[in-house]
Amino acid sequence: MKILITGSKGQLGNELRVLSADYPQHQYFFCDIEELDVCNEAAVLSFIKEYQIELIINGAAYTAVDKAEQDRDAAFKLNAGAVENLCKAALANKTYLVHISTDYVFDGTKKSPYTEADAVNPVSVYGSSKLRGEEMIYKYALPSLIIRTSWLYSSFGNNFVKTILRLANEKPELRIIADQHGSPTYARDLAKAILDIISFHPLPGNPELYLFSNLGETTWYEFAKVITELSAINIPVIPIETKDYPTAATRPQNSIFSKDKIIRDFHLQIPEWKDSLKECLALLNKNN
């Protein structure tokens, strides 16, 4: 297949680039804004037509969660408007879409893991913009996979793991939120899941929604503690509550996902979050 990866300089895009060598049956087009502005409808249509793209993995997104509260137009332009551009071009060229969404479409008030059947109720501009992007796919009834993920990190880009490692070398202690629960996602595991699904399984003909993260659950506090322990950094990690660390955007208190559907439909072997964290930390250590 001829596969377009948008947002190719992001965490997922970079991991897809690394893993693409293991799936040589495909031809890949890695594009960030310099190569293809997904907010430009004509450019998207032209690119997909010219290169006869058969499948798009849309990793392009506005992800500055707090900044989005004041920058609503920019968030919706990239997280919804660009998705509509991809939908139109995909329909015109019979191109399949794999779209990455987020746990922020939920309000986080559920007391048990979220499933694909749960009602959405975003409590931030970022979450609302990502939900609008999903709605575009349903509006055009595009053959597609929508994969919501959570707490994404990687050896690439900016993320919680790299922030904790940096702060642990700058601060006398770390004060980390302990009342938000979720499942970290190693972007390499998500990239592998996507490449396995599109390479080895029949794809649904209608929009189909899945939730994906690593197995297990934790809090930001425990996540930070494990990062420091695995990195042999001796620093106090102190639990605090969300109210002690005010931010512009409201975060879901619960972002834990059930992975039952994606495991059942595609027979995925999803690693535990601590195992994947060890893998990522070893890579970061090797690269430093």
Protein backbone atom coordinates (compact mmCIF):
# COMPACT_ATOMS: atom_id res chain seq x y z
CA MET A 1 0.00 0.00 0.00
CA LYS A 2 0.95 3.63 -0.49
CA ILE A 3 0.65 5.12 3.00
CA LEU A 4 0.65 8.80 3.97
CA ILE A 5 1.69 9.60 7.56
CA THR A 6 0.72 13.13 8.60
CA GLY A 7 2.28 14.78 11.63
CA SER A 8 5.41 12.77 10.85
CA LYS A 9 7.64 14.80 13.21
CA GLY A 10 5.45 14.05 16.22
CA GLN A 11 5.90 11.21 18.69
CA LEU A 12 3.74 8.72 16.77
CA GLY A 13 5.01 9.86 13.37
CA ASN A 14 8.62 9.32 14.39
CA GLU A 15 7.86 5.88 15.84
CA LEU A 16 6.05 4.91 12.63
CA ARG A 17 9.12 5.98 10.68
CA VAL A 18 11.37 3.76 12.84
CA LEU A 19 9.06 0.73 12.59
CA SER A 20 8.24 1.15 8.89
CA ALA A 21 11.46 -0.73 8.07
CA ASP A 22 9.82 -3.84 9.57
CA TYR A 23 6.89 -3.52 7.12
CA PRO A 24 8.70 -3.13 3.77
CA GLN A 25 5.65 -4.23 1.79
CA HIS A 26 4.35 -0.66 1.98
CA GLN A 27 5.52 2.60 0.40
CA TYR A 28 5.53 5.44 2.93
CA PHE A 29 5.12 9.20 2.55
CA PHE A 30 6.13 10.93 5.80
CA CYS A 31 4.76 14.46 5.84
CA ASP A 32 4.73 17.25 8.37
CA ILE A 33 3.56 20.79 7.69
CA GLU A 34 6.62 21.59 5.54
CA GLU A 35 5.74 18.80 3.10
CA LEU A 36 1.94 18.98 3.34
CA ASP A 37 -0.25 21.51 5.11
CA VAL A 38 -3.27 19.40 6.07
CA CYS A 39 -5.22 22.60 6.77
CA ASN A 40 -5.03 23.40 3.04
CA GLU A 41 -7.89 21.50 1.38
CA ALA A 42 -6.57 21.87 -2.17
CA ALA A 43 -3.06 20.76 -1.18
CA VAL A 44 -4.40 17.65 0.57
CA LEU A 45 -6.56 16.68 -2.39
CA SER A 46 -3.69 17.24 -4.83
CA PHE A 47 -1.17 15.24 -2.79
CA ILE A 48 -3.43 12.22 -2.27
CA LYS A 49 -4.39 12.18 -5.94
CA GLU A 50 -0.86 12.71 -7.29
CA TYR A 51 0.76 10.00 -5.17
CA GLN A 52 -2.24 7.64 -5.34
CA ILE A 53 -2.34 7.33 -1.55
CA GLU A 54 -4.28 4.24 -0.45
CA LEU A 55 -4.21 4.78 3.31
CA ILE A 56 -3.66 7.78 5.59
CA ILE A 57 -2.45 7.58 9.18
CA ASN A 58 -3.40 10.96 10.60
CA GLY A 59 -1.06 11.85 13.43
CA ALA A 60 -1.25 15.61 12.85
CA ALA A 61 -2.83 17.37 15.81
CA TYR A 62 -2.87 20.52 17.90
CA THR A 63 -1.83 19.09 21.28
CA ALA A 64 -1.02 22.16 23.42
CA VAL A 65 -3.86 21.38 25.84
CA ASP A 66 -3.65 24.50 28.02
CA LYS A 67 -2.79 26.88 25.18
CA ALA A 68 -5.87 25.66 23.28
CA GLU A 69 -8.10 27.34 25.88
CA GLN A 70 -7.03 30.73 24.47
CA ASP A 71 -6.26 29.48 20.96
CA ARG A 72 -9.56 27.82 20.14
CA ASP A 73 -9.54 28.63 16.41
CA ALA A 74 -6.10 27.11 15.85
CA ALA A 75 -7.04 23.95 17.78
CA PHE A 76 -10.24 23.44 15.80
CA LYS A 77 -8.51 24.26 12.51
CA LEU A 78 -6.00 21.43 12.89
CA ASN A 79 -7.99 18.94 14.97
CA ALA A 80 -11.26 19.24 13.04
CA GLY A 81 -10.84 21.30 9.86
CA ALA A 82 -7.81 19.33 8.70
CA VAL A 83 -9.66 16.07 9.39
CA GLU A 84 -12.50 17.25 7.14
CA ASN A 85 -9.94 18.00 4.40
CA LEU A 86 -8.54 14.48 4.73
CA CYS A 87 -12.05 12.99 4.66
CA LYS A 88 -12.99 14.82 1.46
CA ALA A 89 -9.77 13.84 -0.30
CA ALA A 90 -10.00 10.26 0.97
CA LEU A 91 -13.56 9.87 -0.29
CA ALA A 92 -12.65 11.28 -3.69
CA ASN A 93 -9.73 8.84 -4.05
CA LYS A 94 -11.08 5.76 -2.21
CA THR A 95 -8.39 6.19 0.45
CA TYR A 96 -8.64 4.57 3.89
CA LEU A 97 -8.12 6.69 7.03
CA VAL A 98 -6.62 5.75 10.39
CA HIS A 99 -7.24 8.70 12.69
CA ILE A 100 -5.71 9.19 16.13
CA SER A 101 -7.89 10.70 18.84
CA THR A 102 -7.69 11.12 22.60
CA ASP A 103 -8.99 10.32 26.08
CA TYR A 104 -9.86 14.02 26.40
CA VAL A 105 -13.16 13.39 24.58
CA PHE A 106 -14.32 11.95 27.95
CA ASP A 107 -15.04 14.02 31.06
CA GLY A 108 -13.24 11.50 33.28
CA THR A 109 -16.06 11.06 35.80
CA LYS A 110 -16.62 7.34 35.16
CA LYS A 111 -15.47 5.11 38.03
CA SER A 112 -14.45 2.16 35.84
CA PRO A 113 -12.44 1.82 32.60
CA TYR A 114 -13.87 3.55 29.55
CA THR A 115 -15.12 1.51 26.59
CA GLU A 116 -15.98 2.46 23.03
CA ALA A 117 -19.69 2.52 23.99
CA ASP A 118 -19.31 5.24 26.63
CA ALA A 119 -20.77 8.71 26.11
CA VAL A 120 -18.37 11.51 25.30
CA ASN A 121 -18.34 14.82 27.15
CA PRO A 122 -15.14 16.83 26.64
CA VAL A 123 -14.32 19.40 29.34
CA SER A 124 -11.60 21.31 27.45
CA VAL A 125 -11.19 23.07 24.11
CA TYR A 126 -8.61 20.46 23.11
CA GLY A 127 -11.03 17.62 23.87
CA SER A 128 -13.86 19.39 22.04
CA SER A 129 -11.69 19.98 18.97
CA LYS A 130 -10.60 16.33 18.85
CA LEU A 131 -14.22 15.18 19.20
CA ARG A 132 -15.20 17.45 16.30
CA GLY A 133 -12.53 15.71 14.23
CA GLU A 134 -14.07 12.33 15.00
CA GLU A 135 -17.50 13.72 14.07
CA MET A 136 -16.16 14.75 10.65
CA ILE A 137 -15.27 11.14 9.92
CA TYR A 138 -18.79 9.98 10.81
CA LYS A 139 -20.29 12.87 8.82
CA TYR A 140 -18.55 11.65 5.65
CA ALA A 141 -19.10 7.97 6.59
CA LEU A 142 -15.48 7.38 5.62
CA PRO A 143 -14.07 3.84 5.72
CA SER A 144 -11.79 4.34 8.68
CA LEU A 145 -10.41 3.44 12.07
CA ILE A 146 -10.60 6.00 14.88
CA ILE A 147 -8.13 5.09 17.63
CA ARG A 148 -8.34 7.02 20.89
CA THR A 149 -5.17 6.89 22.96
CA SER A 150 -3.98 8.37 26.26
CA TRP A 151 -0.89 9.61 28.11
CA LEU A 152 1.34 9.24 25.04
CA TYR A 153 5.13 9.26 25.46
CA SER A 154 8.16 8.33 23.39
CA SER A 155 11.91 8.84 23.09
CA PHE A 156 10.90 11.50 20.53
CA GLY A 157 9.31 14.89 21.18
CA ASN A 158 8.10 16.42 24.43
CA ASN A 159 6.22 14.27 26.91
CA PHE A 160 5.76 13.43 30.59
CA VAL A 161 8.63 10.92 30.75
CA LYS A 162 11.19 13.36 29.36
CA THR A 163 9.82 16.19 31.50
CA ILE A 164 10.21 14.12 34.69
CA LEU A 165 13.78 13.18 33.75
CA ARG A 166 14.62 16.84 33.15
CA LEU A 167 12.95 18.15 36.31
CA ALA A 168 14.56 15.41 38.41
CA ASN A 169 17.93 16.90 37.50
CA GLU A 170 16.81 20.48 38.19
CA LYS A 171 14.59 20.32 41.29
CA PRO A 172 15.12 19.17 44.89
CA GLU A 173 11.75 17.36 44.79
CA LEU A 174 8.90 16.53 42.43
CA ARG A 175 5.28 17.32 43.32
CA ILE A 176 3.05 15.23 41.05
CA ILE A 177 -0.73 14.87 40.76
CA ALA A 178 -1.95 11.64 42.34
CA ASP A 179 -5.73 11.84 41.80
CA GLN A 180 -5.80 11.52 38.00
CA HIS A 181 -5.85 7.91 36.81
CA GLY A 182 -4.93 6.52 33.42
CA SER A 183 -2.91 4.16 31.28
CA PRO A 184 0.34 5.43 29.73
CA THR A 185 0.87 4.68 26.05
CA TYR A 186 4.32 4.12 24.56
CA ALA A 187 3.99 5.62 21.08
CA ARG A 188 6.08 2.77 19.64
CA ASP A 189 3.50 0.23 20.86
CA LEU A 190 0.71 2.27 19.26
CA ALA A 191 2.69 2.53 16.01
CA LYS A 192 3.25 -1.24 15.97
CA ALA A 193 -0.43 -1.89 16.65
CA ILE A 194 -1.44 0.35 13.74
CA LEU A 195 1.06 -1.22 11.33
CA ASP A 196 0.02 -4.74 12.38
CA ILE A 197 -3.67 -3.93 11.93
CA ILE A 198 -3.35 -2.38 8.48
CA SER A 199 -0.86 -5.00 7.27
CA PHE A 200 -2.43 -8.24 8.48
CA HIS A 201 -6.16 -7.69 9.02
CA PRO A 202 -9.20 -6.84 6.90
CA LEU A 203 -10.19 -3.25 7.62
CA PRO A 204 -13.80 -2.31 8.44
CA GLY A 205 -15.70 -0.53 5.67
CA ASN A 206 -17.38 1.97 7.99
CA PRO A 207 -15.94 4.23 10.72
CA GLU A 208 -14.94 1.93 13.58
CA LEU A 209 -13.84 3.20 16.98
CA TYR A 210 -11.15 1.66 19.21
CA LEU A 211 -9.40 2.54 22.47
CA PHE A 212 -5.68 1.83 22.84
CA SER A 213 -3.14 2.26 25.61
CA ASN A 214 -0.67 -0.01 27.33
CA LEU A 215 -2.07 -2.54 29.79
CA GLY A 216 -2.42 -1.66 33.45
CA GLU A 217 -3.31 1.59 35.14
CA THR A 218 -1.58 4.18 37.27
CA THR A 219 -1.57 7.83 38.36
CA TRP A 220 0.74 10.61 37.23
CA TYR A 221 2.36 10.40 40.68
CA GLU A 222 3.08 6.67 40.44
CA PHE A 223 4.17 7.09 36.82
CA ALA A 224 6.72 9.70 37.93
CA LYS A 225 7.90 7.51 40.83
CA VAL A 226 8.51 4.55 38.51
CA ILE A 227 10.34 6.77 36.00
CA THR A 228 12.74 8.00 38.69
CA GLU A 229 13.20 4.56 40.25
CA LEU A 230 13.94 2.86 36.92
CA SER A 231 16.37 5.68 36.11
CA ALA A 232 18.12 5.30 39.51
CA ILE A 233 17.37 8.95 40.34
CA ASN A 234 17.08 9.46 44.09
CA ILE A 235 14.61 12.32 44.47
CA PRO A 236 11.53 12.76 46.68
CA VAL A 237 8.30 12.39 44.67
CA ILE A 238 5.42 13.95 46.59
CA PRO A 239 1.74 13.27 45.77
CA ILE A 240 -0.53 16.30 45.34
CA GLU A 241 -4.15 16.78 44.26
CA THR A 242 -5.38 18.34 41.03
CA LYS A 243 -6.61 21.39 42.97
CA ASP A 244 -3.02 22.01 44.15
CA TYR A 245 -1.81 22.40 40.56
CA PRO A 246 -4.27 24.64 38.66
CA THR A 247 -4.09 24.59 34.85
CA ALA A 248 -5.96 26.48 32.12
CA ALA A 249 -7.58 23.29 30.80
CA THR A 250 -9.51 20.76 32.87
CA ARG A 251 -8.07 17.22 32.69
CA PRO A 252 -10.13 14.02 32.95
CA GLN A 253 -9.79 12.46 36.43
CA ASN A 254 -10.14 9.01 34.87
CA SER A 255 -8.55 8.12 31.53
CA ILE A 256 -8.33 4.37 32.03
CA PHE A 257 -9.30 2.42 28.89
CA SER A 258 -10.63 -1.06 28.37
CA LYS A 259 -8.60 -2.57 25.52
CA ASP A 260 -10.89 -5.59 25.13
CA LYS A 261 -12.32 -4.61 21.74
CA ILE A 262 -9.04 -3.87 19.95
CA ILE A 263 -7.42 -7.02 21.42
CA ARG A 264 -10.40 -9.15 20.39
CA ASP A 265 -10.77 -7.79 16.85
CA PHE A 266 -7.07 -7.70 15.93
CA HIS A 267 -5.48 -10.28 18.27
CA LEU A 268 -3.00 -7.71 19.56
CA GLN A 269 -0.39 -8.46 22.21
CA ILE A 270 -0.28 -5.20 24.17
CA PRO A 271 2.59 -4.82 26.67
CA GLU A 272 2.17 -3.72 30.28
CA TRP A 273 2.96 -0.04 30.76
CA LYS A 274 5.94 -0.61 33.06
CA ASP A 275 7.57 -2.98 30.56
CA SER A 276 7.21 -0.44 27.77
CA LEU A 277 8.49 2.34 30.00
CA LYS A 278 11.66 0.31 30.68
CA GLU A 279 12.15 -0.09 26.92
CA CYS A 280 11.74 3.65 26.30
CA LEU A 281 14.06 4.62 29.18
CA ALA A 282 16.74 2.22 27.91
CA LEU A 283 16.51 3.89 24.51
CA LEU A 284 16.74 7.38 26.01
CA ASN A 285 19.73 6.29 28.10
CA LYS A 286 21.44 4.82 25.05
CA ASN A 287 20.87 7.99 23.02
CA ASN A 288 22.22 10.33 25.73
